[in-house]
């Protein structure tokens, strides 16, 4: 696969947004957020920033609201740091793939432990 410019821009946005979150945004709604991925459109007009957050659904909802309300500030900071002629519009989206992966892992663990219990009950002829 050829490595396109928008992939590199996505990686830079990932790095810079993560850096901004480490330094801390002033919005109290934003909890312990981790940026998991950035998808930039081929025309580099829009960027979807995917994140996870430690905590429950309320923490997720509050963090998503805080991030989306800080999007214009983050976009301005990206413009200063990246030196792009046009900085993509940014939207934040919760990344449920980690929750999904954890659920699959727990189901597999249950199946595995249930399988071990059944193996001792059968007798061989």
N, C-alpha and C. Protein backbone atom coordinates (compact mmCIF):
# COMPACT_ATOMS: atom_id res chain seq x y z
N UNK A 1 0.83 -1.18 0.00
CA UNK A 1 0.00 0.00 0.00
C UNK A 1 0.88 1.25 0.00
N UNK A 2 0.55 2.16 -0.81
CA UNK A 2 1.30 3.40 -0.91
C UNK A 2 0.95 4.30 0.28
N UNK A 3 1.96 4.93 0.86
CA UNK A 3 1.73 5.77 2.02
C UNK A 3 1.40 7.19 1.55
N UNK A 4 0.17 7.58 1.70
CA UNK A 4 -0.32 8.86 1.20
C UNK A 4 -0.07 9.98 2.21
N UNK A 5 -0.12 11.20 1.73
CA UNK A 5 0.13 12.37 2.58
C UNK A 5 -0.89 12.47 3.71
N UNK A 6 -2.15 12.16 3.43
CA UNK A 6 -3.16 12.28 4.48
C UNK A 6 -2.93 11.30 5.63
N UNK A 7 -2.25 10.18 5.36
CA UNK A 7 -1.88 9.26 6.44
C UNK A 7 -0.84 9.92 7.35
N UNK A 8 0.14 10.57 6.74
CA UNK A 8 1.17 11.26 7.54
C UNK A 8 0.56 12.39 8.34
N UNK A 9 -0.36 13.14 7.73
CA UNK A 9 -1.04 14.23 8.45
C UNK A 9 -1.83 13.65 9.61
N UNK A 10 -2.49 12.52 9.40
CA UNK A 10 -3.24 11.86 10.47
C UNK A 10 -2.35 11.46 11.64
N UNK A 11 -1.17 10.94 11.32
CA UNK A 11 -0.22 10.58 12.38
C UNK A 11 0.24 11.81 13.15
N UNK A 12 0.49 12.90 12.45
CA UNK A 12 0.91 14.14 13.11
C UNK A 12 -0.22 14.69 14.00
N UNK A 13 -1.44 14.65 13.50
CA UNK A 13 -2.58 15.11 14.29
C UNK A 13 -2.72 14.25 15.54
N UNK A 14 -2.56 12.94 15.39
CA UNK A 14 -2.62 12.02 16.53
C UNK A 14 -1.60 12.42 17.59
N UNK A 15 -0.38 12.63 17.15
CA UNK A 15 0.71 12.99 18.07
C UNK A 15 0.44 14.33 18.76
N UNK A 16 0.02 15.33 18.00
CA UNK A 16 -0.17 16.67 18.57
C UNK A 16 -1.39 16.74 19.49
N UNK A 17 -2.48 16.07 19.12
CA UNK A 17 -3.66 16.07 19.99
C UNK A 17 -3.34 15.33 21.29
N UNK A 18 -2.61 14.23 21.20
CA UNK A 18 -2.19 13.52 22.41
C UNK A 18 -1.34 14.42 23.29
N UNK A 19 -0.45 15.17 22.68
CA UNK A 19 0.39 16.10 23.43
C UNK A 19 -0.44 17.18 24.11
N UNK A 20 -1.42 17.71 23.39
CA UNK A 20 -2.30 18.73 23.98
C UNK A 20 -3.07 18.16 25.18
N UNK A 21 -3.50 16.92 25.07
CA UNK A 21 -4.25 16.30 26.18
C UNK A 21 -3.34 16.04 27.38
N UNK A 22 -2.08 15.69 27.12
CA UNK A 22 -1.14 15.47 28.23
C UNK A 22 -0.90 16.77 29.00
N UNK A 23 -0.75 17.86 28.25
CA UNK A 23 -0.55 19.15 28.90
C UNK A 23 -1.81 19.62 29.59
N UNK A 24 -2.93 19.07 29.17
CA UNK A 24 -4.19 19.34 29.83
C UNK A 24 -4.96 20.49 29.23
N UNK A 25 -6.15 20.18 28.80
CA UNK A 25 -7.08 21.22 28.39
C UNK A 25 -7.80 21.69 29.64
N UNK A 26 -8.28 22.89 29.62
CA UNK A 26 -8.86 23.46 30.83
C UNK A 26 -10.31 23.02 31.08
N UNK A 27 -10.90 22.28 30.17
CA UNK A 27 -12.28 21.83 30.33
C UNK A 27 -12.34 20.73 31.39
N UNK A 28 -13.08 20.94 32.47
CA UNK A 28 -13.13 19.94 33.55
C UNK A 28 -13.89 18.66 33.15
N UNK A 29 -14.63 18.70 32.06
CA UNK A 29 -15.38 17.52 31.64
C UNK A 29 -14.47 16.45 31.05
N UNK A 30 -13.30 16.85 30.55
CA UNK A 30 -12.40 15.91 29.89
C UNK A 30 -11.66 15.12 30.95
N UNK A 31 -11.88 13.81 30.94
CA UNK A 31 -11.24 12.92 31.90
C UNK A 31 -9.92 12.41 31.38
N UNK A 32 -9.57 11.20 31.80
CA UNK A 32 -8.33 10.56 31.37
C UNK A 32 -8.56 9.96 29.99
N UNK A 33 -8.24 10.73 28.95
CA UNK A 33 -8.54 10.39 27.57
C UNK A 33 -7.28 9.92 26.86
N UNK A 34 -7.43 8.87 26.04
CA UNK A 34 -6.35 8.38 25.20
C UNK A 34 -6.82 8.43 23.74
N UNK A 35 -6.02 9.00 22.88
CA UNK A 35 -6.33 9.04 21.46
C UNK A 35 -5.90 7.70 20.85
N UNK A 36 -6.84 7.01 20.21
CA UNK A 36 -6.54 5.69 19.65
C UNK A 36 -6.25 5.72 18.15
N UNK A 37 -6.89 6.62 17.43
CA UNK A 37 -6.69 6.68 15.97
C UNK A 37 -7.18 8.01 15.43
N UNK A 38 -6.67 8.36 14.26
CA UNK A 38 -7.14 9.55 13.54
C UNK A 38 -7.34 9.15 12.09
N UNK A 39 -8.54 9.39 11.58
CA UNK A 39 -8.85 9.14 10.17
C UNK A 39 -9.01 10.48 9.47
N UNK A 40 -8.15 10.73 8.49
CA UNK A 40 -8.21 11.96 7.72
C UNK A 40 -8.72 11.62 6.33
N UNK A 41 -9.66 12.41 5.82
CA UNK A 41 -10.17 12.17 4.47
C UNK A 41 -9.06 12.44 3.45
N UNK A 42 -9.21 11.87 2.27
CA UNK A 42 -8.19 12.00 1.24
C UNK A 42 -7.96 13.45 0.82
N UNK A 43 -9.01 14.28 0.89
CA UNK A 43 -8.85 15.70 0.54
C UNK A 43 -8.35 16.53 1.73
N UNK A 44 -8.14 15.88 2.86
CA UNK A 44 -7.62 16.49 4.10
C UNK A 44 -8.49 17.64 4.61
N UNK A 45 -9.78 17.56 4.39
CA UNK A 45 -10.71 18.58 4.89
C UNK A 45 -11.27 18.21 6.26
N UNK A 46 -11.36 16.92 6.55
CA UNK A 46 -11.98 16.45 7.79
C UNK A 46 -11.11 15.39 8.45
N UNK A 47 -11.11 15.42 9.77
CA UNK A 47 -10.39 14.41 10.53
C UNK A 47 -11.28 13.92 11.66
N UNK A 48 -11.45 12.60 11.74
CA UNK A 48 -12.15 11.99 12.86
C UNK A 48 -11.09 11.51 13.84
N UNK A 49 -11.19 12.00 15.07
CA UNK A 49 -10.26 11.62 16.12
C UNK A 49 -10.99 10.67 17.06
N UNK A 50 -10.49 9.44 17.15
CA UNK A 50 -11.11 8.43 17.99
C UNK A 50 -10.38 8.37 19.33
N UNK A 51 -11.16 8.21 20.40
CA UNK A 51 -10.58 8.23 21.74
C UNK A 51 -11.24 7.19 22.63
N UNK A 52 -10.55 6.83 23.69
CA UNK A 52 -11.12 6.05 24.77
C UNK A 52 -10.94 6.85 26.04
N UNK A 53 -11.70 6.50 27.06
CA UNK A 53 -11.61 7.22 28.33
C UNK A 53 -11.78 6.22 29.47
N UNK A 54 -11.03 6.45 30.53
CA UNK A 54 -11.18 5.62 31.73
C UNK A 54 -12.45 6.07 32.44
N UNK A 55 -13.27 5.10 32.82
CA UNK A 55 -14.48 5.45 33.56
C UNK A 55 -15.72 4.86 32.93
N UNK A 56 -16.85 5.32 33.43
CA UNK A 56 -18.15 4.79 33.01
C UNK A 56 -18.72 5.58 31.84
N UNK A 57 -19.98 5.31 31.52
CA UNK A 57 -20.63 5.99 30.40
C UNK A 57 -20.75 7.49 30.62
N UNK A 58 -20.95 7.91 31.86
CA UNK A 58 -21.04 9.34 32.16
C UNK A 58 -19.70 10.03 31.87
N UNK A 59 -18.60 9.40 32.26
CA UNK A 59 -17.27 9.96 31.99
C UNK A 59 -17.03 10.03 30.48
N UNK A 60 -17.46 9.00 29.76
CA UNK A 60 -17.31 8.98 28.31
C UNK A 60 -18.10 10.12 27.67
N UNK A 61 -19.34 10.27 28.09
CA UNK A 61 -20.20 11.32 27.54
C UNK A 61 -19.65 12.71 27.85
N UNK A 62 -19.24 12.92 29.10
CA UNK A 62 -18.67 14.22 29.48
C UNK A 62 -17.40 14.53 28.72
N UNK A 63 -16.53 13.53 28.57
CA UNK A 63 -15.28 13.74 27.85
C UNK A 63 -15.54 14.05 26.38
N UNK A 64 -16.51 13.35 25.78
CA UNK A 64 -16.83 13.59 24.37
C UNK A 64 -17.37 15.02 24.18
N UNK A 65 -18.23 15.46 25.10
CA UNK A 65 -18.75 16.84 25.02
C UNK A 65 -17.62 17.85 25.19
N UNK A 66 -16.75 17.61 26.15
CA UNK A 66 -15.63 18.51 26.39
C UNK A 66 -14.67 18.58 25.21
N UNK A 67 -14.38 17.43 24.62
CA UNK A 67 -13.48 17.41 23.47
C UNK A 67 -14.09 18.12 22.27
N UNK A 68 -15.36 17.85 22.01
CA UNK A 68 -16.01 18.50 20.86
C UNK A 68 -16.13 20.01 21.05
N UNK A 69 -16.33 20.46 22.30
CA UNK A 69 -16.38 21.90 22.52
C UNK A 69 -15.00 22.53 22.44
N UNK A 70 -13.95 21.74 22.63
CA UNK A 70 -12.57 22.24 22.53
C UNK A 70 -12.00 22.07 21.13
N UNK A 71 -12.78 21.54 20.19
CA UNK A 71 -12.28 21.22 18.86
C UNK A 71 -11.71 22.44 18.14
N UNK A 72 -12.36 23.60 18.27
CA UNK A 72 -11.86 24.79 17.58
C UNK A 72 -10.51 25.23 18.16
N UNK A 73 -10.36 25.15 19.48
CA UNK A 73 -9.08 25.48 20.11
C UNK A 73 -8.00 24.50 19.65
N UNK A 74 -8.34 23.21 19.63
CA UNK A 74 -7.37 22.19 19.21
C UNK A 74 -6.99 22.40 17.75
N UNK A 75 -7.95 22.73 16.92
CA UNK A 75 -7.68 22.97 15.50
C UNK A 75 -6.73 24.16 15.32
N UNK A 76 -6.96 25.23 16.11
CA UNK A 76 -6.08 26.40 16.06
C UNK A 76 -4.65 26.03 16.46
N UNK A 77 -4.54 25.25 17.53
CA UNK A 77 -3.21 24.81 17.99
C UNK A 77 -2.53 23.94 16.94
N UNK A 78 -3.30 23.07 16.29
CA UNK A 78 -2.73 22.23 15.24
C UNK A 78 -2.22 23.09 14.09
N UNK A 79 -2.95 24.15 13.76
CA UNK A 79 -2.51 25.06 12.71
C UNK A 79 -1.17 25.69 13.03
N UNK A 80 -0.98 26.05 14.29
CA UNK A 80 0.30 26.64 14.70
C UNK A 80 1.43 25.62 14.65
N UNK A 81 1.14 24.40 15.08
CA UNK A 81 2.18 23.38 15.23
C UNK A 81 2.53 22.66 13.94
N UNK A 82 1.55 22.43 13.08
CA UNK A 82 1.78 21.61 11.89
C UNK A 82 2.19 22.40 10.66
N UNK A 83 1.86 23.67 10.62
CA UNK A 83 2.24 24.49 9.48
C UNK A 83 1.55 24.10 8.18
N UNK A 84 0.33 23.62 8.28
CA UNK A 84 -0.43 23.26 7.08
C UNK A 84 -1.15 24.48 6.53
N UNK A 85 -1.34 24.51 5.24
CA UNK A 85 -2.10 25.59 4.63
C UNK A 85 -3.57 25.51 5.07
N UNK A 86 -4.08 24.29 5.12
CA UNK A 86 -5.46 24.09 5.56
C UNK A 86 -5.47 23.01 6.63
N UNK A 87 -5.98 23.33 7.81
CA UNK A 87 -6.07 22.36 8.91
C UNK A 87 -7.44 21.72 8.85
N UNK A 88 -7.51 20.38 8.89
CA UNK A 88 -8.80 19.70 8.78
C UNK A 88 -9.76 20.06 9.92
N UNK A 89 -11.06 20.03 9.60
CA UNK A 89 -12.10 20.14 10.63
C UNK A 89 -12.00 18.89 11.48
N UNK A 90 -12.07 19.05 12.79
CA UNK A 90 -11.87 17.93 13.70
C UNK A 90 -13.17 17.59 14.41
N UNK A 91 -13.46 16.29 14.48
CA UNK A 91 -14.57 15.82 15.30
C UNK A 91 -14.07 14.64 16.12
N UNK A 92 -14.58 14.52 17.33
CA UNK A 92 -14.15 13.46 18.24
C UNK A 92 -15.23 12.40 18.34
N UNK A 93 -14.78 11.14 18.34
CA UNK A 93 -15.70 10.01 18.38
C UNK A 93 -15.15 8.97 19.36
N UNK A 94 -16.04 8.43 20.20
CA UNK A 94 -15.63 7.39 21.14
C UNK A 94 -15.29 6.12 20.38
N UNK A 95 -14.18 5.51 20.72
CA UNK A 95 -13.72 4.28 20.08
C UNK A 95 -14.17 3.09 20.92
N UNK A 96 -15.21 2.42 20.47
CA UNK A 96 -15.78 1.29 21.21
C UNK A 96 -15.05 -0.01 20.92
N UNK A 97 -14.06 0.00 20.05
CA UNK A 97 -13.39 -1.24 19.66
C UNK A 97 -12.66 -1.89 20.84
N UNK A 98 -12.12 -1.10 21.76
CA UNK A 98 -11.44 -1.68 22.92
C UNK A 98 -12.44 -2.38 23.83
N UNK A 99 -13.60 -1.77 24.04
CA UNK A 99 -14.65 -2.41 24.84
C UNK A 99 -15.10 -3.70 24.17
N UNK A 100 -15.25 -3.66 22.86
CA UNK A 100 -15.66 -4.84 22.10
C UNK A 100 -14.60 -5.94 22.23
N UNK A 101 -13.34 -5.58 22.10
CA UNK A 101 -12.25 -6.54 22.24
C UNK A 101 -12.20 -7.14 23.62
N UNK A 102 -12.40 -6.33 24.65
CA UNK A 102 -12.41 -6.84 26.02
C UNK A 102 -13.57 -7.80 26.24
N UNK A 103 -14.71 -7.50 25.66
CA UNK A 103 -15.89 -8.37 25.78
C UNK A 103 -15.62 -9.71 25.10
N UNK A 104 -15.04 -9.69 23.91
CA UNK A 104 -14.71 -10.93 23.21
C UNK A 104 -13.71 -11.75 24.02
N UNK A 105 -12.72 -11.07 24.58
CA UNK A 105 -11.71 -11.76 25.38
C UNK A 105 -12.34 -12.42 26.60
N UNK A 106 -13.25 -11.73 27.27
CA UNK A 106 -13.89 -12.32 28.45
C UNK A 106 -14.77 -13.50 28.06
N UNK A 107 -15.46 -13.41 26.91
CA UNK A 107 -16.27 -14.53 26.44
C UNK A 107 -15.39 -15.74 26.11
N UNK A 108 -14.25 -15.49 25.46
CA UNK A 108 -13.34 -16.59 25.16
C UNK A 108 -12.78 -17.22 26.43
N UNK A 109 -12.50 -16.38 27.43
CA UNK A 109 -12.00 -16.89 28.71
C UNK A 109 -13.07 -17.77 29.37
N UNK A 110 -14.34 -17.33 29.31
CA UNK A 110 -15.44 -18.11 29.88
C UNK A 110 -15.56 -19.46 29.17
N UNK A 111 -15.48 -19.44 27.84
CA UNK A 111 -15.58 -20.67 27.07
C UNK A 111 -14.42 -21.60 27.42
N UNK A 112 -13.23 -21.03 27.54
CA UNK A 112 -12.04 -21.83 27.83
C UNK A 112 -12.16 -22.47 29.22
N UNK A 113 -12.53 -21.71 30.22
CA UNK A 113 -12.65 -22.25 31.57
C UNK A 113 -13.80 -23.25 31.65
N UNK A 114 -14.88 -23.01 30.94
CA UNK A 114 -16.00 -23.96 30.90
C UNK A 114 -15.60 -25.24 30.21
N UNK A 115 -14.74 -25.15 29.21
CA UNK A 115 -14.27 -26.31 28.46
C UNK A 115 -13.38 -27.18 29.35
N UNK A 116 -12.54 -26.56 30.17
CA UNK A 116 -11.68 -27.31 31.09
C UNK A 116 -12.49 -28.07 32.10
N UNK A 117 -13.59 -27.50 32.60
CA UNK A 117 -14.44 -28.15 33.57
C UNK A 117 -15.13 -29.37 32.98
N UNK A 118 -15.54 -29.29 31.73
CA UNK A 118 -16.24 -30.40 31.07
C UNK A 118 -15.31 -31.55 30.76
N UNK A 119 -14.03 -31.29 30.52
CA UNK A 119 -13.11 -32.34 30.10
C UNK A 119 -12.85 -33.36 31.20
N UNK A 120 -12.99 -32.99 32.46
CA UNK A 120 -12.78 -33.93 33.58
C UNK A 120 -13.97 -34.81 33.82
N UNK A 121 -15.15 -34.49 33.31
CA UNK A 121 -16.37 -35.25 33.59
C UNK A 121 -16.54 -36.44 32.66
N UNK A 122 -15.91 -36.45 31.52
CA UNK A 122 -16.13 -37.54 30.57
C UNK A 122 -15.18 -38.68 30.84
N UNK A 123 -15.71 -39.90 30.69
CA UNK A 123 -14.86 -41.10 30.87
C UNK A 123 -14.53 -41.68 29.53
N UNK A 124 -13.32 -42.22 29.43
CA UNK A 124 -12.90 -42.87 28.18
C UNK A 124 -13.15 -44.36 28.29
N UNK A 125 -13.53 -44.99 27.19
CA UNK A 125 -13.78 -46.44 27.18
C UNK A 125 -12.53 -47.21 26.93
